[in-house]
Every structure is written in structure tokens, then in C-alpha cells.
Amino acid sequence: MAQKRLGKQTIVFQNPPSIIATATIVGPKEGDGPLKDYFDLILDDDLWGESSWEKTEAKLQQEAVKLALTNAKKVTTDVDYLFAGDLLNQIISSSYAARELKIPFFGLYGACSTKTESLSLGAMAIDGGFADIVVCVTSSHFSTAERQYRFPLEHGNQRPLTAQWTVTGAGASVLSSSGNGPYITHVTTGRIIDPGIVNANNMGPAMAPAAADTIIRHFKDTGFKPEDYDLIITGDLATVGKEIAQELMAKEGYDISNIFMDCGIEIFDAERQDTHAGGSGCGCSAVVFAGYLYKALKAGKYKRIMLVSTGALLSPTIVQQGESIPGIAHAVTISTEK
């Protein structure tokens, strides 16, 4: 019998895993944004000495894991599992990073929801008694994502105001069966929700219904209310999607307006940096959590947050065949107390 389940989609951990360290590496644009003081390493250029953007992204993941382990005073041989994902076909950034790290590897794909997917599965492995130390890492790169999902950069095509800027960065988190927190106490696994969006430059509305659905389900499963949280932060709904999600939740009787933020809005200065609707990508919630949010939890600014990474499951191949773009969102509760 599943003794750790609450309701339809939520797990509560009996021995909540501790997040003992994090690390972030970001590109120049991210390092020029409002959260620059919270990142471990800011690159001078988005190639970082590599011959292609794809090789750079794999290097981002690999080095973020190494840096997180250094921060945790651990080495790769201490790690039982690596849970990693990215946006590229066959999650090549993750698999090539794992090739070098030589840690037992679970490759994940949930589009931009992959950060909380990795935290969810990593926490389950520890609470289930299958691991003592795991690393959860995700990445994205503006240039790799643009040419896979939209247009070659050489086209210089004009981006609509609904478009988002894929974050160049990687965020790694080290989870342990022991430690002083912050702790992952609950996981709410999302369902795929498809509002019928077909525009690859309008991802916020594609993800917003999934975000609202997961947050509402979390409240129903756990009995928590918005006031039980210091912060609820989505991964990359950006300005358009955040407004939609907030409206959808209000219609169901949940007012989260006073505690609702979005990583895609926080990571860039929209007016000065010209990112239109905001940031996006696997790296977006990864670096905002592993950078700003983790440090804020450790400093006592927040006691309990809900991180809801949001993903648009976009495939150019199937969209060109007339299909829509489904969305998904996974939520984790992170608390300074068990």
C-alpha cells in the first residue's frame, strides 16, 4: 500500500531529503540581470571556449555538477545517482555531461519542467532508501534552443512580444539523506494539460493551465492553503502565462497574488534587457532556484516555498503536422523545517 501518498498526485516524505548544496553557471545576459549576485559563475561569452553551443551546454551541466559537489564537500564517487535533463533532442547535454562524470545516470525530459522532475525523483530515491546522495541538474542555452525549436539565429527573425528568451545556464542541486535543510517535504506530480496552443513563440499560455492545475491539486491533496507558503514560484510562465495562471486559480477560489512569482520574470530586467515576455528553458528555474531561492532559504528569508517548474512539450516535427503544444508542471515543497 502506498503509505506516502496524499490524494491523487502528491507524495509526502517520511524522511525528507536535505538539499545540502547547489551551484549555478550562467551566460553573460543572465549575469547582467537582477539576480547576478546569486550565481556562482558568470561566463564572459556563450561559447565558453567550445566549438559549438551544444558542446557548451554539456560543459555547463558537467561543471555545475562538479561545482555543486565541491560546495557540498563531496566527490563524484560519493554520488549514487545523477538525475539530469535538458531541452535538446536525445537530451544530449545531459548524456554527454554524464559520460564525463561517470555517475549512474537517469536521463529526464519534461521540457522546462525538468528541474522539479529531477528534484522529485531524486527525493523519492533518497526517501525510498535507494540512495544517500544524488545530484539533480538541468540546463538550457539560448542558441541551442532557438535553432532546434524555432529559427536559425542567422535568419535574424523578429520575435513577437509573447516570445521568451531561453536562459543560458545550468543549475545543480545535491540531495542527501542527512543534513540541516532546506528539505524537500512534498512532491506533486503534474498531468499533461493541452490548451490547444500551436505557436512556438507563445509558450506562456501553453504552460499556464498545467501550472494552475498542479498548484490546485497540491492544495486539495495536502490541505495546505496559499497562506501556508511564503512563496509560490513557477518556472517560466513569464508575464503572459503568469497572468493566465493566476486568473485560472482565482476562478477556483485560490488567491495567490501576494506570494506568486515566476522565475522567467525574475531572471531578466525586461525593459533594459529586451527579453519580451521573460525567460524560459530548463535552465531558468534551475538557476533561479539553485542561486537566489536556495540562498534565500538558507538565510531565513523564506521558510516554505513551492517551486513549480513548467514545461511546454514542444516538438517542431509534430507541430508542423498540425498538432498542438501540451503543457506540464511539477511542484516540490521546500521547507527549512521537516
Protein backbone atom coordinates (compact mmCIF):
# COMPACT_ATOMS: atom_id res chain seq x y z
CA MET A 1 0.00 0.00 0.00
CA ALA A 2 1.29 3.44 -0.93
CA GLN A 3 1.71 4.90 2.56
CA LYS A 4 3.35 8.16 1.50
CA ARG A 5 0.67 9.36 -0.92
CA LEU A 6 -1.71 12.22 -0.29
CA GLY A 7 -4.71 12.40 -2.59
CA LYS A 8 -4.33 11.81 -6.31
CA GLN A 9 -0.96 13.31 -7.21
CA THR A 10 1.05 14.21 -4.10
CA ILE A 11 3.73 12.44 -2.04
CA VAL A 12 4.77 13.39 1.49
CA PHE A 13 8.20 12.17 2.58
CA GLN A 14 8.69 10.39 5.89
CA ASN A 15 12.39 11.31 5.92
CA PRO A 16 12.59 14.49 3.84
CA PRO A 17 15.87 14.73 1.88
CA SER A 18 18.08 17.71 2.60
CA ILE A 19 19.43 19.93 -0.17
CA ILE A 20 22.99 20.25 1.12
CA ALA A 21 24.47 22.35 -1.69
CA THR A 22 23.77 23.93 -5.07
CA ALA A 23 25.73 25.53 -7.89
CA THR A 24 24.88 27.78 -10.83
CA ILE A 25 26.65 28.74 -14.03
CA VAL A 26 25.02 31.29 -16.33
CA GLY A 27 25.69 33.16 -19.54
CA PRO A 28 26.55 36.85 -19.96
CA LYS A 29 22.96 38.03 -20.36
CA GLU A 30 21.79 36.22 -17.25
CA GLY A 31 24.83 37.54 -15.40
CA ASP A 32 23.76 41.06 -16.32
CA GLY A 33 20.28 40.58 -14.85
CA PRO A 34 18.72 41.32 -11.45
CA LEU A 35 19.93 38.06 -9.86
CA LYS A 36 23.58 38.35 -10.88
CA ASP A 37 24.84 38.41 -7.28
CA TYR A 38 23.39 34.95 -6.59
CA PHE A 39 25.16 32.98 -9.34
CA ASP A 40 28.39 31.07 -8.74
CA LEU A 41 29.93 31.60 -12.18
CA ILE A 42 29.06 34.07 -14.94
CA LEU A 43 30.52 33.38 -18.38
CA ASP A 44 32.15 36.08 -20.48
CA ASP A 45 30.79 34.57 -23.69
CA ASP A 46 28.20 31.93 -24.54
CA LEU A 47 30.64 29.52 -26.23
CA TRP A 48 32.96 29.19 -23.20
CA GLY A 49 35.88 28.04 -25.31
CA GLU A 50 33.92 25.33 -27.15
CA SER A 51 33.38 24.92 -30.91
CA SER A 52 29.58 24.76 -30.75
CA TRP A 53 26.75 25.87 -28.49
CA GLU A 54 25.70 22.26 -27.91
CA LYS A 55 29.15 21.38 -26.58
CA THR A 56 28.98 24.46 -24.38
CA GLU A 57 25.70 23.36 -22.86
CA ALA A 58 27.06 19.93 -21.99
CA LYS A 59 30.03 21.66 -20.37
CA LEU A 60 27.63 23.87 -18.38
CA GLN A 61 25.99 20.79 -16.87
CA GLN A 62 29.22 18.96 -16.21
CA GLU A 63 30.89 21.89 -14.47
CA ALA A 64 27.76 22.81 -12.50
CA VAL A 65 27.68 19.29 -11.05
CA LYS A 66 31.38 19.44 -10.15
CA LEU A 67 30.95 22.84 -8.52
CA ALA A 68 27.88 21.72 -6.54
CA LEU A 69 29.79 18.70 -5.26
CA THR A 70 32.70 20.92 -4.27
CA ASN A 71 30.27 23.15 -2.37
CA ALA A 72 28.90 20.03 -0.65
CA LYS A 73 32.41 18.77 0.13
CA LYS A 74 31.69 15.64 -1.90
CA VAL A 75 33.23 13.96 -4.96
CA THR A 76 31.62 12.13 -7.86
CA THR A 77 32.23 8.71 -6.31
CA ASP A 78 30.07 9.75 -3.34
CA VAL A 79 27.03 10.16 -5.61
CA ASP A 80 24.59 7.27 -6.04
CA TYR A 81 22.59 8.74 -8.95
CA LEU A 82 22.61 11.67 -11.34
CA PHE A 83 19.17 12.91 -12.41
CA ALA A 84 19.63 15.25 -15.36
CA GLY A 85 17.78 16.70 -18.32
CA ASP A 86 17.77 19.44 -20.92
CA LEU A 87 15.80 20.61 -23.95
CA LEU A 88 17.76 19.10 -26.81
CA ASN A 89 16.95 16.00 -28.87
CA GLN A 90 18.05 12.84 -27.03
CA ILE A 91 18.93 15.11 -24.05
CA ILE A 92 22.46 15.31 -25.41
CA SER A 93 23.65 17.96 -22.94
CA SER A 94 22.85 15.64 -20.04
CA SER A 95 24.12 12.41 -21.57
CA TYR A 96 27.44 13.89 -22.70
CA ALA A 97 27.93 15.51 -19.30
CA ALA A 98 27.14 12.17 -17.66
CA ARG A 99 29.65 10.49 -19.96
CA GLU A 100 32.39 12.56 -18.36
CA LEU A 101 31.09 12.45 -14.80
CA LYS A 102 30.72 8.65 -14.74
CA ILE A 103 27.89 8.74 -12.19
CA PRO A 104 24.97 6.27 -12.55
CA PHE A 105 22.59 8.28 -14.69
CA PHE A 106 18.86 8.79 -15.13
CA GLY A 107 18.20 10.98 -18.17
CA LEU A 108 14.97 13.00 -17.90
CA TYR A 109 12.83 15.01 -20.26
CA GLY A 110 9.98 17.20 -19.13
CA ALA A 111 10.88 20.25 -21.20
CA CYS A 112 11.26 23.23 -18.87
CA SER A 113 9.59 21.30 -16.01
CA THR A 114 12.64 19.03 -15.76
CA LYS A 115 14.20 20.77 -12.74
CA THR A 116 11.37 19.83 -10.39
CA GLU A 117 11.02 16.47 -12.13
CA SER A 118 14.65 15.77 -11.22
CA LEU A 119 14.20 17.02 -7.65
CA SER A 120 11.05 14.89 -7.31
CA LEU A 121 12.68 11.67 -8.47
CA GLY A 122 15.91 12.35 -6.61
CA ALA A 123 14.00 12.92 -3.38
CA MET A 124 11.97 9.74 -3.93
CA ALA A 125 15.16 7.73 -4.39
CA ILE A 126 16.54 9.00 -1.08
CA ASP A 127 13.34 8.72 0.97
CA GLY A 128 12.76 5.28 -0.50
CA GLY A 129 16.10 4.09 0.81
CA PHE A 130 17.66 3.62 -2.62
CA ALA A 131 20.30 6.35 -2.30
CA ASP A 132 22.09 8.58 0.18
CA ILE A 133 23.48 11.21 -2.18
CA VAL A 134 22.03 12.27 -5.54
CA VAL A 135 22.62 15.23 -7.83
CA CYS A 136 19.82 16.88 -9.80
CA VAL A 137 20.85 19.14 -12.68
CA THR A 138 19.23 20.76 -15.70
CA SER A 139 20.42 23.19 -18.33
CA SER A 140 19.45 25.20 -21.39
CA HIS A 141 21.18 27.52 -23.84
CA PHE A 142 19.57 30.30 -25.83
CA SER A 143 21.35 29.45 -29.06
CA THR A 144 20.84 25.68 -28.95
CA ALA A 145 17.15 26.04 -28.18
CA GLU A 146 16.45 28.67 -30.81
CA ARG A 147 17.84 26.67 -33.69
CA GLN A 148 16.17 23.44 -32.56
CA TYR A 149 12.71 24.80 -31.82
CA ARG A 150 12.27 27.97 -33.82
CA PHE A 151 14.62 29.55 -36.41
CA PRO A 152 18.34 29.60 -37.18
CA LEU A 153 19.87 32.60 -35.47
CA GLU A 154 21.32 33.70 -38.81
CA HIS A 155 17.80 34.50 -40.00
CA GLY A 156 17.60 37.44 -37.62
CA ASN A 157 13.83 36.99 -37.50
CA GLN A 158 11.73 39.37 -35.45
CA ARG A 159 10.45 37.91 -32.19
CA PRO A 160 6.85 38.69 -31.15
CA LEU A 161 6.18 40.26 -27.76
CA THR A 162 4.85 36.93 -26.43
CA ALA A 163 8.23 35.28 -27.10
CA GLN A 164 10.59 34.37 -24.26
CA TRP A 165 14.37 34.32 -24.02
CA THR A 166 15.79 30.86 -23.29
CA VAL A 167 18.14 31.06 -20.33
CA THR A 168 21.76 30.08 -20.90
CA GLY A 169 22.69 28.32 -17.71
CA ALA A 170 22.81 25.19 -15.59
CA GLY A 171 21.72 24.67 -12.00
CA ALA A 172 22.74 21.66 -9.90
CA SER A 173 21.42 20.57 -6.51
CA VAL A 174 22.94 17.97 -4.19
CA LEU A 175 20.38 16.00 -2.17
CA SER A 176 21.31 13.94 0.88
CA SER A 177 19.64 11.56 3.33
CA SER A 178 21.21 13.66 6.10
CA GLY A 179 21.71 17.37 6.53
CA ASN A 180 20.31 20.53 8.05
CA GLY A 181 17.99 21.53 5.23
CA PRO A 182 16.31 23.04 3.45
CA TYR A 183 14.27 19.90 2.93
CA ILE A 184 12.05 18.60 0.14
CA THR A 185 8.90 17.63 2.05
CA HIS A 186 6.26 17.14 -0.67
CA VAL A 187 6.09 16.39 -4.38
CA THR A 188 3.05 16.98 -6.57
CA THR A 189 3.42 15.37 -9.98
CA GLY A 190 1.68 17.18 -12.80
CA ARG A 191 -0.67 15.99 -15.51
CA ILE A 192 -0.38 16.95 -19.15
CA ILE A 193 -2.84 19.73 -19.90
CA ASP A 194 -3.29 20.88 -23.50
CA PRO A 195 -4.99 24.25 -24.10
CA GLY A 196 -4.50 23.94 -27.87
CA ILE A 197 -1.68 26.44 -28.40
CA VAL A 198 0.20 25.94 -31.70
CA ASN A 199 2.51 28.98 -31.71
CA ALA A 200 6.10 28.17 -30.71
CA ASN A 201 6.59 31.82 -29.74
CA ASN A 202 3.73 31.78 -27.23
CA MET A 203 4.77 29.26 -24.59
CA GLY A 204 3.35 31.00 -21.50
CA PRO A 205 -0.29 30.28 -22.37
CA ALA A 206 0.64 26.69 -23.31
CA MET A 207 2.00 26.07 -19.80
CA ALA A 208 -0.27 28.21 -17.62
CA PRO A 209 -3.22 25.77 -17.34
CA ALA A 210 -0.85 22.96 -16.30
CA ALA A 211 0.71 25.19 -13.63
CA ALA A 212 -2.69 26.14 -12.24
CA ASP A 213 -3.85 22.51 -12.31
CA THR A 214 -0.80 21.25 -10.37
CA ILE A 215 -0.93 24.01 -7.74
CA ILE A 216 -4.67 23.50 -7.17
CA ARG A 217 -4.19 19.73 -6.94
CA HIS A 218 -1.40 20.28 -4.40
CA PHE A 219 -3.72 22.31 -2.20
CA LYS A 220 -6.51 19.73 -2.49
CA ASP A 221 -4.21 16.78 -1.79
CA THR A 222 -2.37 18.30 1.17
CA GLY A 223 -4.95 20.57 2.74
CA PHE A 224 -2.45 23.43 2.56
CA LYS A 225 -3.68 26.91 1.72
CA PRO A 226 -1.84 29.77 -0.03
CA GLU A 227 -1.14 31.38 3.35
CA ASP A 228 0.87 28.30 4.36
CA TYR A 229 3.55 29.36 1.88
CA ASP A 230 5.94 32.29 1.87
CA LEU A 231 6.34 31.98 -1.89
CA ILE A 232 4.91 30.07 -4.83
CA ILE A 233 7.15 30.45 -7.86
CA THR A 234 6.62 28.99 -11.32
CA GLY A 235 9.44 28.11 -13.69
CA ASP A 236 8.94 30.13 -16.84
CA LEU A 237 5.37 31.24 -17.43
CA ALA A 238 6.75 34.77 -17.86
CA THR A 239 4.41 37.77 -17.93
CA VAL A 240 1.72 36.38 -20.23
CA GLY A 241 1.46 32.91 -18.69
CA LYS A 242 1.71 34.10 -15.08
CA GLU A 243 -1.33 36.32 -15.50
CA ILE A 244 -3.33 33.47 -17.06
CA ALA A 245 -2.37 31.00 -14.32
CA GLN A 246 -3.28 33.48 -11.61
CA GLU A 247 -6.68 34.08 -13.20
CA LEU A 248 -7.36 30.35 -13.57
CA MET A 249 -6.58 29.78 -9.90
CA ALA A 250 -8.70 32.72 -8.78
CA LYS A 251 -11.68 31.20 -10.61
CA GLU A 252 -11.24 28.10 -8.44
CA GLY A 253 -11.12 30.17 -5.25
CA TYR A 254 -7.34 30.34 -4.75
CA ASP A 255 -5.86 33.81 -4.44
CA ILE A 256 -2.06 33.52 -4.58
CA SER A 257 -1.43 37.03 -5.90
CA ASN A 258 0.52 38.18 -2.82
CA ILE A 259 3.02 35.31 -2.92
CA PHE A 260 3.16 34.43 -6.62
CA MET A 261 6.37 34.93 -8.61
CA ASP A 262 7.85 33.47 -11.79
CA CYS A 263 11.49 32.61 -12.44
CA GLY A 264 11.19 33.79 -16.04
CA ILE A 265 10.19 37.23 -14.86
CA GLU A 266 12.77 37.50 -12.08
CA ILE A 267 15.88 36.48 -14.01
CA PHE A 268 15.90 39.33 -16.54
CA ASP A 269 15.26 43.06 -16.50
CA ALA A 270 12.54 43.12 -19.15
CA GLU A 271 12.90 46.80 -20.02
CA ARG A 272 16.67 47.04 -20.07
CA GLN A 273 17.46 43.59 -21.50
CA ASP A 274 14.73 43.32 -24.14
CA THR A 275 13.59 39.79 -23.32
CA HIS A 276 9.95 40.49 -24.23
CA ALA A 277 7.73 38.25 -22.05
CA GLY A 278 10.65 36.97 -19.95
CA GLY A 279 12.96 33.99 -19.56
CA SER A 280 12.38 30.32 -20.28
CA GLY A 281 14.18 26.98 -20.58
CA CYS A 282 15.29 24.12 -18.33
CA GLY A 283 18.00 26.40 -17.02
CA CYS A 284 15.54 29.10 -15.95
CA SER A 285 14.02 27.57 -12.80
CA ALA A 286 17.26 25.64 -12.27
CA VAL A 287 19.49 28.68 -11.83
CA VAL A 288 16.87 30.81 -10.06
CA PHE A 289 16.30 28.03 -7.53
CA ALA A 290 19.92 26.92 -7.13
CA GLY A 291 21.01 30.55 -6.98
CA TYR A 292 18.59 33.04 -5.44
CA LEU A 293 15.94 30.80 -3.86
CA TYR A 294 18.31 28.36 -2.19
CA LYS A 295 20.35 31.18 -0.69
CA ALA A 296 17.17 32.93 0.47
CA LEU A 297 16.01 29.75 2.21
CA LYS A 298 19.39 29.28 3.88
CA ALA A 299 19.34 32.91 5.03
CA GLY A 300 15.87 32.55 6.55
CA LYS A 301 14.09 34.92 4.16
CA TYR A 302 11.68 32.11 3.28
CA LYS A 303 10.63 29.18 5.45
CA ARG A 304 8.46 27.28 2.99
CA ILE A 305 8.21 27.68 -0.78
CA MET A 306 6.58 25.79 -3.61
CA LEU A 307 8.73 25.56 -6.74
CA VAL A 308 6.62 24.71 -9.80
CA SER A 309 8.76 24.19 -12.89
CA THR A 310 6.63 24.49 -16.01
CA GLY A 311 7.16 22.82 -19.37
CA ALA A 312 5.81 23.22 -22.90
CA LEU A 313 6.19 19.84 -24.62
CA LEU A 314 7.03 21.30 -28.00
CA SER A 315 8.12 19.14 -30.92
CA PRO A 316 8.64 21.07 -34.18
CA THR A 317 8.05 17.87 -36.16
CA ILE A 318 4.59 17.13 -34.79
CA VAL A 319 3.55 20.80 -34.63
CA GLN A 320 4.29 21.05 -38.36
CA GLN A 321 1.84 18.17 -38.77
CA GLY A 322 -0.90 20.25 -37.15
CA GLU A 323 -0.62 19.10 -33.53
CA SER A 324 -0.80 21.43 -30.53
CA ILE A 325 1.73 22.04 -27.73
CA PRO A 326 0.79 20.35 -24.43
CA GLY A 327 1.98 21.68 -21.08
CA ILE A 328 3.02 20.10 -17.80
CA ALA A 329 4.11 21.34 -14.37
CA HIS A 330 5.66 19.53 -11.40
CA ALA A 331 5.72 21.01 -7.90
CA VAL A 332 8.01 20.46 -4.92
CA THR A 333 7.59 21.90 -1.45
CA ILE A 334 10.89 23.03 0.03
CA SER A 335 10.98 23.93 3.71
CA THR A 336 13.59 24.92 6.26
CA GLU A 337 11.88 22.54 8.70
CA LYS A 338 10.98 18.87 8.30
